[in-house]
């Protein structure tokens, strides 16, 4: 095999290898960017989950009080619905 043909074969092989490496680098960069985005989404979702679980726990406490504490039920009804006892006046002030 002539030397020039051998060098040409090596050069073409090197170019093909570089092309493959460049293609893999592009795919790796895209995959890394997607992974970073998904990871950030997961972090935000976990934070939101903690917030929602906290709110749920607060609402469960309110629900339990509504089920078991008649004085609390009366207070909530009076405040939210403006109910009053007989011969009682309710004054509402706009803020």
Protein backbone atom coordinates (compact mmCIF):
# COMPACT_ATOMS: atom_id res chain seq x y z
CA UNK A 1 0.00 0.00 0.00
CA UNK A 2 1.47 3.36 -0.97
CA UNK A 3 2.29 5.80 1.82
CA UNK A 4 -0.08 8.48 0.53
CA UNK A 5 -2.99 6.01 0.55
CA UNK A 6 -2.12 4.99 4.09
CA UNK A 7 -2.00 8.65 5.20
CA UNK A 8 -5.31 9.33 3.43
CA UNK A 9 -6.92 6.37 5.18
CA UNK A 10 -5.61 7.58 8.55
CA UNK A 11 -6.80 11.14 7.86
CA UNK A 12 -10.26 9.95 6.85
CA UNK A 13 -10.43 7.67 9.89
CA UNK A 14 -9.42 10.59 12.11
CA UNK A 15 -12.07 12.82 10.51
CA UNK A 16 -14.75 10.19 11.01
CA UNK A 17 -13.66 9.70 14.62
CA UNK A 18 -13.71 13.47 15.22
CA UNK A 19 -17.16 13.70 13.64
CA UNK A 20 -18.44 10.95 15.89
CA UNK A 21 -16.87 12.59 18.94
CA UNK A 22 -18.34 15.98 17.98
CA UNK A 23 -21.78 14.41 17.50
CA UNK A 24 -21.56 12.68 20.86
CA UNK A 25 -20.46 15.95 22.48
CA UNK A 26 -23.53 17.73 21.06
CA UNK A 27 -25.84 14.96 22.26
CA UNK A 28 -24.17 15.00 25.68
CA UNK A 29 -24.54 18.79 25.95
CA UNK A 30 -28.23 18.61 25.02
CA UNK A 31 -28.82 15.77 27.45
CA UNK A 32 -27.03 17.66 30.21
CA UNK A 33 -29.15 20.78 29.57
CA UNK A 34 -32.35 18.71 29.65
CA UNK A 35 -31.21 17.03 32.87
CA UNK A 36 -30.54 20.42 34.46
CA UNK A 37 -34.00 21.67 33.47
CA UNK A 38 -35.69 18.54 34.80
CA UNK A 39 -33.70 18.76 38.03
CA UNK A 40 -34.74 22.41 38.53
CA UNK A 41 -38.36 21.47 37.84
CA UNK A 42 -38.09 18.68 40.41
CA UNK A 43 -36.72 21.10 43.01
CA UNK A 44 -39.53 23.60 42.36
CA UNK A 45 -42.11 20.80 42.46
CA UNK A 46 -40.77 19.49 45.77
CA UNK A 47 -40.89 23.01 47.25
CA UNK A 48 -44.49 23.38 46.05
CA UNK A 49 -45.31 19.98 47.56
CA UNK A 50 -43.98 21.10 50.95
CA UNK A 51 -46.08 24.28 50.73
CA UNK A 52 -49.21 22.35 49.78
CA UNK A 53 -48.65 19.76 52.51
CA UNK A 54 -48.26 22.55 55.08
CA UNK A 55 -51.47 24.20 53.91
CA UNK A 56 -53.25 20.82 54.00
CA UNK A 57 -52.12 20.25 57.59
CA UNK A 58 -53.45 23.69 58.55
CA UNK A 59 -56.78 22.99 56.85
CA UNK A 60 -57.02 19.61 58.56
CA UNK A 61 -56.59 21.34 61.93
CA UNK A 62 -59.36 23.80 61.07
CA UNK A 63 -61.60 20.95 59.94
CA UNK A 64 -60.97 19.03 63.14
CA UNK A 65 -61.82 22.13 65.20
CA UNK A 66 -65.00 22.61 63.17
CA UNK A 67 -65.97 19.01 63.90
CA UNK A 68 -65.19 19.06 67.61
CA UNK A 69 -65.40 22.64 68.96
CA UNK A 70 -68.89 24.20 68.93
CA UNK A 71 -67.58 27.57 70.15
CA UNK A 72 -65.17 27.70 67.22
CA UNK A 73 -67.99 26.81 64.82
CA UNK A 74 -70.10 29.64 66.22
CA UNK A 75 -67.20 32.09 65.94
CA UNK A 76 -66.58 31.12 62.30
CA UNK A 77 -70.26 31.37 61.39
CA UNK A 78 -70.57 34.78 63.04
CA UNK A 79 -67.43 36.13 61.39
CA UNK A 80 -67.88 34.74 57.87
CA UNK A 81 -71.64 34.83 57.51
CA UNK A 82 -72.44 37.74 59.79
CA UNK A 83 -74.90 35.77 61.90
CA UNK A 84 -76.08 37.20 65.19
CA UNK A 85 -77.97 35.93 68.20
CA UNK A 86 -81.52 37.18 68.78
CA UNK A 87 -81.57 40.76 70.10
CA UNK A 88 -77.95 41.21 69.04
CA UNK A 89 -76.68 43.77 66.54
CA UNK A 90 -73.81 43.24 64.13
CA UNK A 91 -71.83 46.28 63.09
CA UNK A 92 -69.69 46.00 59.98
CA UNK A 93 -67.03 48.54 59.19
CA UNK A 94 -65.42 48.87 55.80
CA UNK A 95 -61.67 49.10 55.89
